[in-house]
Amino acid sequence: MSAFDGKIEELELDTWGTKGYLTMEQSEALIQFMSTAKESDLSVAKFATEPLENVSLRFLRARQFSVVNALELLKKCVERKTTGQAKHFATLTPDEVVKCDMEMLKKFYPHSHLGYDKLNRPILFEQSGQINPTAITSMTTFGALVDYHFHTMEKDLSDVFERATADGKPAVYSTCAILDLEGLSMVHCTGSSFEHMKSLVALDNVCYPETLGKMLVINAPWLAVTTWEIVKGWLDPRTQAKIEILGAGPETSAKLLKYIDASVLPKKYGGTAPDWTSSRPLAEYLSLGRSGDARREISVPAGHTLYVESYVPEGEVFVEVYVSPMKFDDGVESSSGKSTSSTSSTKKLDSLIQLSRTQLLGSGANPPVRNKQEFPNPTNDNMYFVLRWVNTAMLVGRSVVANVYTQADPTLQT
């Protein structure tokens, strides 16, 4: 009975067509494939430390051990990685690939590597329901995110696979993915979002076949059922069988703990590990109405520097920075290093000292206009900075992605 007749058992998925579990026919196909494929092509297709035998088996499994079809897939992989400059993007930093602050982008595209599951597979984590597509496209492009995917697979995942064997454990060149859909809405189901998702699935099908070991989709709302009906059509039966759609609650936590140790699983999912949080917690997407503005007040301690980073994708937006020795807006909470204030504050700024007024003019082209400013507080007292983003257009709204934060300046410390 073929592994594709009827239901594919999970154990069979873990071992079918892998080293140590090959049938005679599969062993013969492996010999034929490796004697025919160019070593240079296999080197392009493999992860950095992956043995040539393992990458050969991945391509053979993806084509049910048809040598002809597996060789054709390998050819497509080499062509796609070459034209997509996959190896080049592996040499760049994430910021260089997406042309923005990657850590700031993660606030709107939350994802991380959590560690390893019980089979020593890297855990790839994404809070898909918290993705903000508008903020993302205000900072970078879908094309750049495809390049970033090459970077994560060629550099980050290769490094994670290599680290997995550091303590003597056997190498496993497959992953365990967790997608948290809490917060999923129609905002995430636009045509452009589906096209981007489809392009990544197609890329993985060609360039990284048989890399997914298990995917757990959790906190799935009713909308996920409809979305899954679309997405699974892009996947082969083996990949479909590796994906489980789960809701919320104790049953989901139990399922996660079946694959992941409690010490690795974040607390919010039933484990004991710290919950993942953004390293840019104050980053936010600002929607400016017609002739509208947004204000933020931040307390900057003595000897600290205020950093203001703004992305404007289109149109004219002014960034104004004011300073005050005392709290400016008594109706708004403010604390050290935290951005506060409402977007509709009408309190006049005439009494404050204006430090700068910078024009940002987004052309609609990508990447968007990016501006970063620094404002030291060289005094011995706490200072309050008021930030204002202004849309001068009377007929159309504008958008800004902004991040404000403070850091201690060693040169100003006493």
Protein backbone atom coordinates (compact mmCIF):
# COMPACT_ATOMS: atom_id res chain seq x y z
CA MET A 1 0.00 0.00 0.00
CA SER A 2 1.38 3.40 -0.99
CA ALA A 3 1.93 6.11 1.61
CA PHE A 4 -0.56 8.17 -0.39
CA ASP A 5 -3.40 5.63 -0.36
CA GLY A 6 -5.99 6.74 2.17
CA LYS A 7 -4.96 8.56 5.33
CA ILE A 8 -1.24 9.19 5.80
CA GLU A 9 -0.26 8.30 9.34
CA GLU A 10 1.92 10.78 11.17
CA LEU A 11 4.57 8.18 12.00
CA GLU A 12 4.77 7.30 8.33
CA LEU A 13 5.23 10.97 7.50
CA ASP A 14 8.19 11.15 9.88
CA THR A 15 9.96 8.11 8.45
CA TRP A 16 8.69 7.44 4.94
CA GLY A 17 11.46 7.82 2.41
CA THR A 18 14.05 8.79 5.02
CA LYS A 19 17.45 7.28 5.72
CA GLY A 20 17.11 3.99 7.57
CA TYR A 21 13.54 3.42 6.34
CA LEU A 22 14.05 3.10 2.59
CA THR A 23 12.57 0.27 0.58
CA MET A 24 14.72 -1.47 -2.00
CA GLU A 25 13.08 0.53 -4.78
CA GLN A 26 13.68 3.79 -2.93
CA SER A 27 17.33 2.90 -2.32
CA GLU A 28 17.81 2.22 -6.02
CA ALA A 29 16.12 5.54 -6.88
CA LEU A 30 18.47 7.36 -4.48
CA ILE A 31 21.54 5.81 -6.11
CA GLN A 32 20.28 6.73 -9.57
CA PHE A 33 19.38 10.28 -8.51
CA MET A 34 22.74 10.99 -6.87
CA SER A 35 24.70 9.54 -9.77
CA THR A 36 22.78 11.71 -12.24
CA ALA A 37 22.38 15.01 -10.38
CA LYS A 38 25.24 17.49 -10.51
CA GLU A 39 26.97 17.92 -7.17
CA SER A 40 27.03 21.67 -7.81
CA ASP A 41 23.23 21.67 -8.14
CA LEU A 42 22.81 19.71 -4.92
CA SER A 43 25.12 22.19 -3.19
CA VAL A 44 22.84 25.03 -4.27
CA ALA A 45 19.75 23.16 -3.09
CA LYS A 46 20.97 22.00 0.32
CA PHE A 47 21.19 23.73 3.68
CA ALA A 48 24.71 24.66 4.71
CA THR A 49 25.55 21.55 6.77
CA GLU A 50 23.04 19.19 5.13
CA PRO A 51 24.55 15.99 3.64
CA LEU A 52 24.02 15.51 -0.09
CA GLU A 53 22.20 12.25 0.62
CA ASN A 54 19.65 14.06 2.78
CA VAL A 55 18.87 16.78 0.26
CA SER A 56 18.58 14.10 -2.43
CA LEU A 57 16.00 12.26 -0.35
CA ARG A 58 14.04 15.46 0.23
CA PHE A 59 13.67 16.02 -3.52
CA LEU A 60 12.84 12.36 -4.13
CA ARG A 61 10.17 12.33 -1.41
CA ALA A 62 8.63 15.46 -2.89
CA ARG A 63 8.18 13.57 -6.18
CA GLN A 64 7.26 10.16 -4.73
CA PHE A 65 10.68 8.78 -5.68
CA SER A 66 10.30 9.43 -9.40
CA VAL A 67 13.92 10.10 -10.36
CA VAL A 68 12.96 11.97 -13.52
CA ASN A 69 10.54 14.26 -11.70
CA ALA A 70 12.92 14.82 -8.79
CA LEU A 71 15.70 15.84 -11.17
CA GLU A 72 13.32 18.26 -12.87
CA LEU A 73 12.42 19.75 -9.47
CA LEU A 74 16.10 20.12 -8.64
CA LYS A 75 16.64 21.98 -11.91
CA LYS A 76 13.78 24.36 -11.11
CA CYS A 77 15.18 24.89 -7.61
CA VAL A 78 18.61 25.89 -8.92
CA GLU A 79 17.06 28.22 -11.50
CA ARG A 80 14.77 29.88 -8.92
CA LYS A 81 17.52 30.31 -6.33
CA THR A 82 19.89 31.68 -8.95
CA THR A 83 17.46 34.19 -10.44
CA GLY A 84 16.23 35.11 -6.95
CA GLN A 85 19.79 35.62 -5.69
CA ALA A 86 19.10 33.38 -2.69
CA LYS A 87 22.75 32.97 -1.72
CA HIS A 88 23.31 36.73 -2.03
CA PHE A 89 20.51 37.56 0.39
CA ALA A 90 21.99 35.08 2.85
CA THR A 91 25.07 37.31 3.08
CA LEU A 92 23.08 40.44 3.98
CA THR A 93 21.63 41.52 7.28
CA PRO A 94 17.82 41.42 7.65
CA ASP A 95 17.76 45.25 7.64
CA GLU A 96 19.66 45.31 4.35
CA VAL A 97 17.25 42.83 2.79
CA VAL A 98 13.98 44.56 3.73
CA LYS A 99 15.49 48.07 3.66
CA CYS A 100 14.05 48.98 7.07
CA ASP A 101 14.48 48.17 10.76
CA MET A 102 13.66 44.45 10.85
CA GLU A 103 13.06 44.44 14.59
CA MET A 104 10.59 47.27 14.13
CA LEU A 105 8.93 45.39 11.26
CA LYS A 106 8.49 42.40 13.58
CA LYS A 107 6.07 44.49 15.65
CA PHE A 108 3.70 44.29 12.66
CA TYR A 109 4.93 40.91 11.37
CA PRO A 110 5.56 39.02 14.64
CA HIS A 111 7.69 35.92 14.12
CA SER A 112 10.59 34.21 15.82
CA HIS A 113 12.52 30.98 16.38
CA LEU A 114 11.43 29.59 19.76
CA GLY A 115 13.88 26.73 20.14
CA TYR A 116 13.52 23.04 19.28
CA ASP A 117 10.71 20.52 19.64
CA LYS A 118 10.98 17.00 21.10
CA LEU A 119 12.29 15.67 17.77
CA ASN A 120 15.02 18.36 17.72
CA ARG A 121 13.27 20.26 14.93
CA PRO A 122 13.50 24.08 14.98
CA ILE A 123 10.23 25.71 16.10
CA LEU A 124 9.23 28.53 13.77
CA PHE A 125 6.65 30.78 15.43
CA GLU A 126 4.39 33.36 13.81
CA GLN A 127 1.48 35.37 15.23
CA SER A 128 -0.31 35.51 11.91
CA GLY A 129 -3.45 37.05 13.39
CA GLN A 130 -1.46 40.04 14.67
CA ILE A 131 0.07 40.90 11.30
CA ASN A 132 -0.66 44.46 10.15
CA PRO A 133 -0.46 44.39 6.32
CA THR A 134 -0.87 48.15 5.96
CA ALA A 135 1.96 48.90 8.36
CA ILE A 136 4.19 46.35 6.65
CA THR A 137 3.66 47.84 3.19
CA SER A 138 4.30 51.28 4.71
CA MET A 139 7.80 50.09 5.62
CA THR A 140 8.78 47.62 2.91
CA THR A 141 7.43 45.67 -0.08
CA PHE A 142 6.07 42.18 -0.67
CA GLY A 143 8.99 41.66 -3.05
CA ALA A 144 11.46 42.47 -0.28
CA LEU A 145 9.64 40.02 2.00
CA VAL A 146 10.25 37.28 -0.58
CA ASP A 147 13.94 38.21 -0.50
CA TYR A 148 13.77 38.07 3.30
CA HIS A 149 12.30 34.58 3.05
CA PHE A 150 15.38 33.55 1.08
CA HIS A 151 17.51 35.08 3.84
CA THR A 152 15.69 33.22 6.61
CA MET A 153 15.92 29.89 4.81
CA GLU A 154 19.48 30.18 3.50
CA LYS A 155 21.06 31.88 6.53
CA ASP A 156 18.87 31.77 9.64
CA LEU A 157 17.44 28.29 9.24
CA SER A 158 20.79 26.87 8.12
CA ASP A 159 22.35 28.30 11.30
CA VAL A 160 19.53 26.88 13.43
CA PHE A 161 19.99 23.42 11.89
CA GLU A 162 23.71 23.62 12.59
CA ARG A 163 23.18 24.66 16.23
CA ALA A 164 20.78 21.76 16.75
CA THR A 165 23.69 19.33 16.50
CA ALA A 166 26.01 21.26 18.82
CA ASP A 167 25.17 19.04 21.80
CA GLY A 168 25.65 15.82 19.85
CA LYS A 169 22.02 15.30 18.87
CA PRO A 170 21.35 13.94 15.37
CA ALA A 171 20.75 16.48 12.63
CA VAL A 172 17.12 16.98 11.61
CA TYR A 173 16.50 19.03 8.48
CA SER A 174 12.81 19.68 8.99
CA THR A 175 10.85 22.19 11.04
CA CYS A 176 7.93 22.44 13.45
CA ALA A 177 5.83 25.56 12.79
CA ILE A 178 3.30 27.23 15.07
CA LEU A 179 0.92 29.76 13.53
CA ASP A 180 -1.23 31.66 16.03
CA LEU A 181 -4.33 33.02 14.27
CA GLU A 182 -5.75 34.94 17.24
CA GLY A 183 -6.98 38.25 15.83
CA LEU A 184 -7.38 37.01 12.25
CA SER A 185 -9.91 39.11 10.33
CA MET A 186 -10.84 40.13 6.81
CA VAL A 187 -7.96 42.62 6.94
CA HIS A 188 -5.65 39.63 6.50
CA CYS A 189 -7.62 38.14 3.62
CA THR A 190 -7.00 40.66 0.86
CA GLY A 191 -6.04 39.70 -2.66
CA SER A 192 -2.49 40.98 -2.23
CA SER A 193 -2.06 39.02 1.01
CA PHE A 194 -3.21 35.81 -0.65
CA GLU A 195 -0.94 36.41 -3.63
CA HIS A 196 2.02 36.92 -1.29
CA MET A 197 1.19 33.78 0.66
CA LYS A 198 0.78 31.82 -2.55
CA SER A 199 4.15 33.04 -3.86
CA LEU A 200 5.89 31.88 -0.65
CA VAL A 201 4.20 28.47 -0.80
CA ALA A 202 5.25 28.11 -4.44
CA LEU A 203 8.79 29.14 -3.53
CA ASP A 204 9.01 26.57 -0.74
CA ASN A 205 7.51 23.85 -2.94
CA VAL A 206 10.33 24.33 -5.45
CA CYS A 207 13.31 25.44 -3.37
CA TYR A 208 12.76 23.81 0.03
CA PRO A 209 10.68 20.65 -0.52
CA GLU A 210 10.04 18.32 2.39
CA THR A 211 11.35 20.85 4.93
CA LEU A 212 8.13 21.14 6.93
CA GLY A 213 7.86 18.38 9.53
CA LYS A 214 4.79 19.58 11.42
CA MET A 215 2.58 22.68 11.49
CA LEU A 216 0.14 23.50 14.27
CA VAL A 217 -2.31 26.29 13.45
CA ILE A 218 -3.80 27.45 16.76
CA ASN A 219 -6.55 29.82 17.93
CA ALA A 220 -8.16 29.38 14.53
CA PRO A 221 -11.44 31.34 14.12
CA TRP A 222 -14.19 30.42 11.67
CA LEU A 223 -12.48 32.52 9.01
CA ALA A 224 -9.50 30.16 9.10
CA VAL A 225 -11.66 27.30 7.80
CA THR A 226 -12.48 29.23 4.64
CA THR A 227 -8.88 30.35 4.26
CA TRP A 228 -7.61 26.79 4.71
CA GLU A 229 -9.86 25.57 1.89
CA ILE A 230 -8.02 27.99 -0.40
CA VAL A 231 -4.50 27.42 0.90
CA LYS A 232 -4.55 23.61 0.96
CA GLY A 233 -5.14 23.61 -2.79
CA TRP A 234 -1.60 24.94 -3.16
CA LEU A 235 -0.13 22.03 -1.18
CA ASP A 236 0.56 18.39 -2.00
CA PRO A 237 -1.17 15.66 0.06
CA ARG A 238 1.92 14.94 2.20
CA THR A 239 2.22 18.58 3.23
CA GLN A 240 -1.52 18.87 3.89
CA ALA A 241 -1.32 15.89 6.25
CA LYS A 242 1.38 17.59 8.31
CA ILE A 243 -0.89 20.54 9.16
CA GLU A 244 -3.42 20.56 12.01
CA ILE A 245 -5.98 23.33 12.48
CA LEU A 246 -6.79 23.81 16.17
CA GLY A 247 -8.93 26.16 18.22
CA ALA A 248 -8.10 27.48 21.66
CA GLY A 249 -8.20 26.02 25.14
CA PRO A 250 -6.71 23.13 27.13
CA GLU A 251 -6.92 20.68 24.22
CA THR A 252 -4.71 22.93 22.11
CA SER A 253 -2.19 23.34 24.92
CA ALA A 254 -2.10 19.57 25.34
CA LYS A 255 -1.46 19.13 21.64
CA LEU A 256 1.38 21.66 21.70
CA LEU A 257 2.92 19.98 24.74
CA LYS A 258 2.81 16.66 22.88
CA TYR A 259 5.42 18.05 20.50
CA ILE A 260 7.15 20.74 22.58
CA ASP A 261 8.63 20.66 26.08
CA ALA A 262 6.96 23.00 28.59
CA SER A 263 10.31 24.74 29.16
CA VAL A 264 10.32 25.79 25.50
CA LEU A 265 6.62 26.57 24.99
CA PRO A 266 5.56 30.15 25.93
CA LYS A 267 3.34 30.57 29.00
CA LYS A 268 0.34 31.83 27.06
CA TYR A 269 0.19 28.48 25.25
CA GLY A 270 0.49 26.33 28.36
CA GLY A 271 4.28 26.17 28.77
CA THR A 272 6.67 27.81 31.20
CA ALA A 273 8.89 29.78 28.79
CA PRO A 274 8.57 33.59 28.60
CA ASP A 275 6.05 34.87 26.09
CA TRP A 276 7.50 36.32 22.90
CA THR A 277 7.43 40.11 22.83
CA SER A 278 8.56 42.68 20.31
CA SER A 279 11.88 44.43 20.91
CA ARG A 280 10.19 47.58 19.53
CA PRO A 281 7.09 47.74 21.75
CA LEU A 282 6.38 51.43 21.03
CA ALA A 283 6.32 51.08 17.26
CA GLU A 284 2.89 51.87 15.85
CA TYR A 285 0.95 52.54 12.69
CA LEU A 286 -0.54 56.05 12.61
CA SER A 287 -3.44 56.93 10.36
CA LEU A 288 -3.57 60.71 9.80
CA GLY A 289 -6.89 62.13 8.69
CA ARG A 290 -7.28 64.98 6.23
CA SER A 291 -5.31 67.91 7.64
CA GLY A 292 -4.92 65.73 10.72
CA ASP A 293 -2.11 65.01 13.11
CA ALA A 294 -0.97 62.53 15.75
CA ARG A 295 0.90 63.43 18.94
CA ARG A 296 2.99 61.40 21.30
CA GLU A 297 4.61 62.54 24.55
CA ILE A 298 7.63 60.76 25.93
CA SER A 299 9.64 61.26 29.09
CA VAL A 300 13.41 61.23 28.52
CA PRO A 301 15.57 60.76 31.64
CA ALA A 302 18.76 62.73 32.19
CA GLY A 303 21.65 61.43 30.15
CA HIS A 304 19.40 59.63 27.69
CA THR A 305 18.84 60.16 23.98
CA LEU A 306 15.45 60.16 22.27
CA TYR A 307 15.24 58.39 18.91
CA VAL A 308 12.41 59.13 16.50
CA GLU A 309 12.03 56.91 13.43
CA SER A 310 9.34 57.55 10.82
CA TYR A 311 8.32 55.83 7.57
CA VAL A 312 6.11 57.69 5.09
CA PRO A 313 5.02 55.68 2.03
CA GLU A 314 3.21 58.43 0.17
CA GLY A 315 2.47 62.14 0.36
CA GLU A 316 3.78 64.98 2.52
CA VAL A 317 4.07 64.53 6.27
CA PHE A 318 5.90 66.80 8.70
CA VAL A 319 7.56 65.47 11.83
CA GLU A 320 7.76 68.07 14.61
CA VAL A 321 9.67 67.65 17.86
CA TYR A 322 9.13 69.87 20.90
CA VAL A 323 10.70 69.84 24.35
CA SER A 324 9.41 70.85 27.77
CA PRO A 325 10.91 70.70 31.27
CA MET A 326 7.56 69.55 32.66
CA LYS A 327 4.74 67.27 31.65
CA PHE A 328 2.90 68.95 28.78
CA ASP A 329 -0.49 67.26 28.62
CA ASP A 330 -1.84 66.64 32.14
CA GLY A 331 -4.67 64.56 30.74
CA VAL A 332 -2.35 61.86 29.47
CA GLU A 333 -0.28 59.34 31.33
CA SER A 334 3.43 59.51 30.61
CA SER A 335 6.37 57.56 31.95
CA SER A 336 10.03 57.12 31.22
CA GLY A 337 10.65 55.59 27.84
CA LYS A 338 6.96 55.22 27.01
CA SER A 339 5.06 56.95 24.26
CA THR A 340 1.72 58.46 25.19
CA SER A 341 -0.98 60.95 24.16
CA SER A 342 -3.97 60.77 21.88
CA THR A 343 -4.05 61.33 18.14
CA SER A 344 -6.64 64.07 18.49
CA SER A 345 -5.05 66.27 21.14
CA THR A 346 -5.83 69.95 20.54
CA LYS A 347 -3.64 71.46 23.21
CA LYS A 348 -1.49 74.16 21.62
CA LEU A 349 2.24 73.71 21.36
CA ASP A 350 3.09 77.44 21.33
CA SER A 351 4.52 77.36 24.84
CA LEU A 352 7.08 74.69 23.97
CA ILE A 353 10.50 74.93 22.35
CA GLN A 354 10.46 73.43 18.88
CA LEU A 355 13.65 71.47 18.21
CA SER A 356 12.93 70.47 14.63
CA ARG A 357 10.37 70.33 11.85
CA THR A 358 11.23 67.83 9.15
CA GLN A 359 9.42 67.34 5.86
CA LEU A 360 9.03 63.75 4.65
CA LEU A 361 7.75 63.36 1.12
CA GLY A 362 6.76 59.84 0.14
CA SER A 363 6.58 59.32 -3.61
CA GLY A 364 4.48 56.17 -3.57
CA ALA A 365 7.52 54.23 -4.74
CA ASN A 366 9.22 51.58 -2.68
CA PRO A 367 10.95 51.55 -0.34
CA PRO A 368 9.14 54.39 1.49
CA VAL A 369 10.85 57.51 2.78
CA ARG A 370 12.60 56.72 6.06
CA ASN A 371 13.82 59.27 8.57
CA LYS A 372 15.60 58.77 11.88
CA GLN A 373 16.42 61.59 14.29
CA GLU A 374 18.29 61.77 17.60
CA PHE A 375 17.64 64.23 20.44
CA PRO A 376 19.96 63.97 23.48
CA ASN A 377 18.90 65.15 26.90
CA PRO A 378 22.19 66.50 28.29
CA THR A 379 20.56 67.98 31.41
CA ASN A 380 20.47 66.59 34.92
CA ASP A 381 16.68 66.60 34.90
CA ASN A 382 13.90 64.63 33.30
CA MET A 383 12.71 66.27 30.05
CA TYR A 384 9.45 65.80 28.19
CA PHE A 385 9.41 65.60 24.41
CA VAL A 386 6.24 66.06 22.39
CA LEU A 387 6.23 64.53 18.92
CA ARG A 388 3.78 65.51 16.24
CA TRP A 389 3.20 64.00 12.80
CA VAL A 390 1.22 66.36 10.57
CA ASN A 391 -0.68 65.67 7.35
CA THR A 392 -0.95 68.90 5.37
CA ALA A 393 -3.29 67.50 2.71
CA MET A 394 -6.86 68.75 2.94
CA LEU A 395 -8.44 66.08 0.73
CA VAL A 396 -6.67 62.81 1.54
CA GLY A 397 -5.44 61.01 4.61
CA ARG A 398 -1.86 59.84 5.10
CA SER A 399 -0.17 57.06 7.00
CA VAL A 400 3.00 56.88 9.05
CA VAL A 401 4.78 54.04 10.78
CA ALA A 402 6.62 55.48 13.76
CA ASN A 403 8.86 54.26 16.53
CA VAL A 404 10.10 56.32 19.45
CA TYR A 405 12.39 55.09 22.20
CA THR A 406 15.12 56.24 24.57
CA GLN A 407 18.58 54.90 25.30
CA ALA A 408 21.15 55.84 27.87
CA ASP A 409 24.09 57.70 26.36
CA PRO A 410 27.35 56.56 28.01
CA THR A 411 29.10 59.78 27.02
CA LEU A 412 26.53 61.79 29.01
CA GLN A 413 26.60 59.63 32.14
CA THR A 414 28.31 61.01 35.23
